[in-house]
Amino acid sequence: MRLISLACLPVMLIAACPAYASNPCQTLLCMAGEVLGQSGGSACDNPIADYFNIIGFKRGKFNPGRTFTARLNFLNSCPGVLGGWPTQINAVYGYAFGL
């Protein structure tokens, strides 16, 4: 019985993880569309929310500089980013509290 319980543990841990996780590459594409004045439709709702949910605080208050840096780091975590898109996106939205 104990062996069966231990064998099921990895399955239970995977099932307990949320099905949705932020994807910096998807966010990058959707935010690039926003910069260009295009909407990715409802498919971009969650990736854009992921970007704007990155909020930096200092002493319990919104900190635009930390927010900017954290958002840029998130966009730069997409492997193989070309063309300076993270910098362009952050130049427009990096300090914003929301869209």
N, C-alpha and C. Protein backbone atom coordinates (compact mmCIF):
# COMPACT_ATOMS: atom_id res chain seq x y z
N MET A 1 0.83 -1.19 0.00
CA MET A 1 0.00 0.00 0.00
C MET A 1 0.88 1.26 0.00
N ARG A 2 1.94 1.23 0.81
CA ARG A 2 2.82 2.39 0.89
C ARG A 2 3.52 2.63 -0.44
N LEU A 3 3.90 1.56 -1.13
CA LEU A 3 4.55 1.67 -2.43
C LEU A 3 3.62 2.31 -3.45
N ILE A 4 2.36 1.97 -3.42
CA ILE A 4 1.37 2.55 -4.34
C ILE A 4 1.22 4.04 -4.05
N SER A 5 1.17 4.42 -2.78
CA SER A 5 1.05 5.83 -2.41
C SER A 5 2.24 6.63 -2.90
N LEU A 6 3.43 6.10 -2.76
CA LEU A 6 4.63 6.80 -3.22
C LEU A 6 4.66 6.91 -4.75
N ALA A 7 4.15 5.90 -5.42
CA ALA A 7 4.12 5.92 -6.88
C ALA A 7 3.13 6.96 -7.39
N CYS A 8 2.08 7.23 -6.65
CA CYS A 8 1.06 8.19 -7.06
C CYS A 8 1.44 9.63 -6.73
N LEU A 9 2.42 9.84 -5.87
CA LEU A 9 2.79 11.18 -5.45
C LEU A 9 3.16 12.11 -6.61
N PRO A 10 4.00 11.69 -7.56
CA PRO A 10 4.31 12.60 -8.68
C PRO A 10 3.07 12.98 -9.49
N VAL A 11 2.17 12.06 -9.67
CA VAL A 11 0.95 12.35 -10.43
C VAL A 11 0.10 13.36 -9.68
N MET A 12 0.00 13.21 -8.37
CA MET A 12 -0.79 14.15 -7.58
C MET A 12 -0.16 15.54 -7.58
N LEU A 13 1.17 15.62 -7.54
CA LEU A 13 1.83 16.91 -7.56
C LEU A 13 1.62 17.62 -8.90
N ILE A 14 1.68 16.88 -9.98
CA ILE A 14 1.46 17.48 -11.30
C ILE A 14 0.02 17.95 -11.42
N ALA A 15 -0.91 17.16 -10.95
CA ALA A 15 -2.33 17.53 -11.03
C ALA A 15 -2.63 18.74 -10.17
N ALA A 16 -1.86 18.98 -9.12
CA ALA A 16 -2.12 20.10 -8.24
C ALA A 16 -1.59 21.41 -8.81
N CYS A 17 -0.71 21.35 -9.79
CA CYS A 17 -0.15 22.55 -10.39
C CYS A 17 -1.19 23.22 -11.27
N PRO A 18 -1.18 24.56 -11.33
CA PRO A 18 -2.14 25.24 -12.20
C PRO A 18 -1.88 24.92 -13.66
N ALA A 19 -2.94 24.87 -14.44
CA ALA A 19 -2.82 24.54 -15.85
C ALA A 19 -2.30 25.73 -16.64
N TYR A 20 -2.47 26.93 -16.12
CA TYR A 20 -2.07 28.13 -16.83
C TYR A 20 -0.79 28.68 -16.23
N ALA A 21 0.18 28.93 -17.04
CA ALA A 21 1.42 29.56 -16.60
C ALA A 21 1.81 30.61 -17.62
N SER A 22 2.36 31.70 -17.16
CA SER A 22 2.69 32.79 -18.07
C SER A 22 3.82 32.37 -19.02
N ASN A 23 3.70 32.85 -20.24
CA ASN A 23 4.65 32.53 -21.29
C ASN A 23 5.23 33.85 -21.81
N PRO A 24 6.50 34.14 -21.54
CA PRO A 24 7.06 35.43 -21.95
C PRO A 24 7.05 35.63 -23.47
N CYS A 25 7.17 34.58 -24.25
CA CYS A 25 7.17 34.72 -25.70
C CYS A 25 5.78 35.11 -26.22
N GLN A 26 4.77 34.50 -25.66
CA GLN A 26 3.40 34.84 -26.06
C GLN A 26 3.08 36.28 -25.63
N THR A 27 3.52 36.65 -24.44
CA THR A 27 3.32 38.01 -23.96
C THR A 27 4.05 39.00 -24.87
N LEU A 28 5.25 38.67 -25.26
CA LEU A 28 6.04 39.53 -26.14
C LEU A 28 5.32 39.78 -27.46
N LEU A 29 4.79 38.72 -28.06
CA LEU A 29 4.07 38.87 -29.33
C LEU A 29 2.83 39.74 -29.17
N CYS A 30 2.06 39.49 -28.12
CA CYS A 30 0.83 40.27 -27.91
C CYS A 30 1.13 41.73 -27.60
N MET A 31 2.14 41.97 -26.80
CA MET A 31 2.50 43.35 -26.46
C MET A 31 3.10 44.08 -27.66
N ALA A 32 3.81 43.38 -28.52
CA ALA A 32 4.31 43.99 -29.75
C ALA A 32 3.13 44.43 -30.62
N GLY A 33 2.10 43.62 -30.67
CA GLY A 33 0.88 43.99 -31.39
C GLY A 33 0.26 45.24 -30.81
N GLU A 34 0.24 45.34 -29.49
CA GLU A 34 -0.31 46.54 -28.83
C GLU A 34 0.49 47.78 -29.23
N VAL A 35 1.81 47.66 -29.25
CA VAL A 35 2.66 48.80 -29.63
C VAL A 35 2.35 49.23 -31.06
N LEU A 36 2.07 48.27 -31.93
CA LEU A 36 1.78 48.57 -33.33
C LEU A 36 0.32 48.97 -33.57
N GLY A 37 -0.48 48.99 -32.49
CA GLY A 37 -1.88 49.39 -32.61
C GLY A 37 -2.79 48.27 -33.08
N GLN A 38 -2.34 47.04 -32.94
CA GLN A 38 -3.14 45.90 -33.35
C GLN A 38 -3.51 45.09 -32.12
N SER A 39 -4.64 44.43 -32.20
CA SER A 39 -5.08 43.60 -31.10
C SER A 39 -4.96 42.14 -31.50
N GLY A 40 -4.55 41.34 -30.57
CA GLY A 40 -4.49 39.91 -30.82
C GLY A 40 -5.79 39.22 -30.45
N GLY A 41 -6.80 40.02 -30.14
CA GLY A 41 -8.09 39.47 -29.76
C GLY A 41 -8.04 38.83 -28.39
N SER A 42 -9.01 37.98 -28.12
CA SER A 42 -9.11 37.36 -26.80
C SER A 42 -7.93 36.44 -26.49
N ALA A 43 -7.24 35.97 -27.51
CA ALA A 43 -6.08 35.11 -27.28
C ALA A 43 -4.95 35.86 -26.57
N CYS A 44 -4.97 37.18 -26.65
CA CYS A 44 -3.93 37.99 -26.01
C CYS A 44 -4.36 38.54 -24.65
N ASP A 45 -5.57 38.28 -24.22
CA ASP A 45 -6.03 38.82 -22.94
C ASP A 45 -5.14 38.37 -21.78
N ASN A 46 -4.91 37.08 -21.66
CA ASN A 46 -4.09 36.58 -20.55
C ASN A 46 -2.62 36.98 -20.67
N PRO A 47 -1.99 36.88 -21.85
CA PRO A 47 -0.59 37.31 -21.94
C PRO A 47 -0.40 38.79 -21.62
N ILE A 48 -1.34 39.63 -22.03
CA ILE A 48 -1.23 41.06 -21.72
C ILE A 48 -1.44 41.28 -20.23
N ALA A 49 -2.38 40.55 -19.65
CA ALA A 49 -2.59 40.64 -18.20
C ALA A 49 -1.34 40.19 -17.45
N ASP A 50 -0.66 39.16 -17.95
CA ASP A 50 0.58 38.70 -17.31
C ASP A 50 1.59 39.85 -17.25
N TYR A 51 1.71 40.60 -18.32
CA TYR A 51 2.65 41.72 -18.37
C TYR A 51 2.28 42.78 -17.35
N PHE A 52 1.02 43.18 -17.33
CA PHE A 52 0.60 44.26 -16.44
C PHE A 52 0.46 43.81 -14.99
N ASN A 53 0.42 42.51 -14.76
CA ASN A 53 0.39 42.01 -13.38
C ASN A 53 1.78 42.02 -12.74
N ILE A 54 2.79 42.30 -13.53
CA ILE A 54 4.15 42.45 -12.98
C ILE A 54 4.25 43.88 -12.46
N ILE A 55 4.23 44.00 -11.15
CA ILE A 55 4.24 45.31 -10.51
C ILE A 55 5.30 45.30 -9.42
N GLY A 56 6.19 46.25 -9.50
CA GLY A 56 7.23 46.38 -8.49
C GLY A 56 6.81 47.30 -7.36
N PHE A 57 7.17 46.92 -6.16
CA PHE A 57 6.84 47.72 -4.98
C PHE A 57 8.11 48.03 -4.20
N LYS A 58 8.07 49.15 -3.51
CA LYS A 58 9.13 49.51 -2.58
C LYS A 58 8.46 50.14 -1.36
N ARG A 59 8.69 49.53 -0.23
CA ARG A 59 8.07 49.96 1.03
C ARG A 59 6.54 49.97 0.91
N GLY A 60 6.02 48.97 0.22
CA GLY A 60 4.57 48.81 0.11
C GLY A 60 3.88 49.71 -0.89
N LYS A 61 4.65 50.50 -1.65
CA LYS A 61 4.06 51.41 -2.62
C LYS A 61 4.53 51.04 -4.03
N PHE A 62 3.68 51.32 -5.02
CA PHE A 62 4.03 51.10 -6.41
C PHE A 62 5.33 51.81 -6.73
N ASN A 63 6.25 51.08 -7.36
CA ASN A 63 7.53 51.65 -7.74
C ASN A 63 7.71 51.49 -9.25
N PRO A 64 7.59 52.60 -10.00
CA PRO A 64 7.68 52.51 -11.46
C PRO A 64 9.00 51.94 -11.96
N GLY A 65 10.11 52.28 -11.32
CA GLY A 65 11.41 51.78 -11.76
C GLY A 65 11.55 50.28 -11.62
N ARG A 66 11.11 49.74 -10.48
CA ARG A 66 11.16 48.30 -10.28
C ARG A 66 10.19 47.58 -11.21
N THR A 67 9.05 48.20 -11.46
CA THR A 67 8.07 47.63 -12.38
C THR A 67 8.67 47.53 -13.77
N PHE A 68 9.29 48.62 -14.22
CA PHE A 68 9.93 48.67 -15.54
C PHE A 68 10.97 47.57 -15.68
N THR A 69 11.83 47.44 -14.70
CA THR A 69 12.91 46.45 -14.74
C THR A 69 12.37 45.02 -14.73
N ALA A 70 11.40 44.77 -13.88
CA ALA A 70 10.83 43.41 -13.79
C ALA A 70 10.12 43.03 -15.09
N ARG A 71 9.39 43.97 -15.68
CA ARG A 71 8.71 43.68 -16.95
C ARG A 71 9.71 43.44 -18.07
N LEU A 72 10.76 44.24 -18.11
CA LEU A 72 11.79 44.06 -19.14
C LEU A 72 12.47 42.70 -18.98
N ASN A 73 12.79 42.33 -17.76
CA ASN A 73 13.41 41.02 -17.51
C ASN A 73 12.49 39.89 -17.94
N PHE A 74 11.20 40.04 -17.68
CA PHE A 74 10.23 39.01 -18.09
C PHE A 74 10.22 38.87 -19.61
N LEU A 75 10.12 39.97 -20.34
CA LEU A 75 10.10 39.91 -21.80
C LEU A 75 11.42 39.37 -22.35
N ASN A 76 12.52 39.75 -21.74
CA ASN A 76 13.83 39.27 -22.19
C ASN A 76 14.05 37.79 -21.88
N SER A 77 13.19 37.19 -21.06
CA SER A 77 13.35 35.77 -20.75
C SER A 77 12.84 34.88 -21.88
N CYS A 78 12.24 35.47 -22.91
CA CYS A 78 11.86 34.71 -24.10
C CYS A 78 13.14 34.45 -24.89
N PRO A 79 13.48 33.17 -25.11
CA PRO A 79 14.74 32.88 -25.80
C PRO A 79 14.71 33.33 -27.26
N GLY A 80 15.82 33.85 -27.72
CA GLY A 80 15.96 34.21 -29.12
C GLY A 80 15.24 35.47 -29.54
N VAL A 81 15.01 36.40 -28.61
CA VAL A 81 14.32 37.65 -28.94
C VAL A 81 15.21 38.49 -29.85
N LEU A 82 14.64 38.93 -30.97
CA LEU A 82 15.37 39.77 -31.91
C LEU A 82 14.65 41.10 -32.10
N GLY A 83 15.38 42.08 -32.55
CA GLY A 83 14.75 43.34 -32.95
C GLY A 83 14.49 44.34 -31.85
N GLY A 84 14.91 44.06 -30.63
CA GLY A 84 14.74 45.03 -29.57
C GLY A 84 13.31 45.23 -29.11
N TRP A 85 12.44 44.27 -29.36
CA TRP A 85 11.03 44.42 -28.98
C TRP A 85 10.83 44.63 -27.49
N PRO A 86 11.51 43.91 -26.62
CA PRO A 86 11.29 44.16 -25.19
C PRO A 86 11.52 45.63 -24.80
N THR A 87 12.57 46.22 -25.34
CA THR A 87 12.88 47.62 -25.04
C THR A 87 11.81 48.54 -25.61
N GLN A 88 11.35 48.27 -26.83
CA GLN A 88 10.31 49.10 -27.44
C GLN A 88 9.00 49.01 -26.67
N ILE A 89 8.63 47.81 -26.25
CA ILE A 89 7.40 47.61 -25.50
C ILE A 89 7.49 48.33 -24.16
N ASN A 90 8.61 48.17 -23.48
CA ASN A 90 8.77 48.80 -22.17
C ASN A 90 8.85 50.31 -22.27
N ALA A 91 9.34 50.83 -23.39
CA ALA A 91 9.38 52.28 -23.57
C ALA A 91 7.96 52.86 -23.56
N VAL A 92 7.00 52.09 -24.01
CA VAL A 92 5.61 52.55 -24.07
C VAL A 92 4.85 52.19 -22.79
N TYR A 93 4.99 50.95 -22.31
CA TYR A 93 4.15 50.44 -21.23
C TYR A 93 4.90 50.09 -19.94
N GLY A 94 6.21 50.18 -19.92
CA GLY A 94 6.99 49.69 -18.80
C GLY A 94 6.69 50.31 -17.46
N TYR A 95 6.34 51.61 -17.45
CA TYR A 95 6.07 52.29 -16.20
C TYR A 95 4.59 52.35 -15.86
N ALA A 96 3.74 51.90 -16.77
CA ALA A 96 2.30 52.03 -16.60
C ALA A 96 1.80 51.10 -15.50
N PHE A 97 0.80 51.56 -14.78
CA PHE A 97 0.18 50.73 -13.74
C PHE A 97 -0.81 49.75 -14.36
N GLY A 98 -1.31 50.02 -15.54
CA GLY A 98 -2.22 49.13 -16.25
C GLY A 98 -2.50 49.65 -17.64
N LEU A 99 -3.17 48.86 -18.45
CA LEU A 99 -3.46 49.26 -19.84
C LEU A 99 -4.69 50.12 -19.89
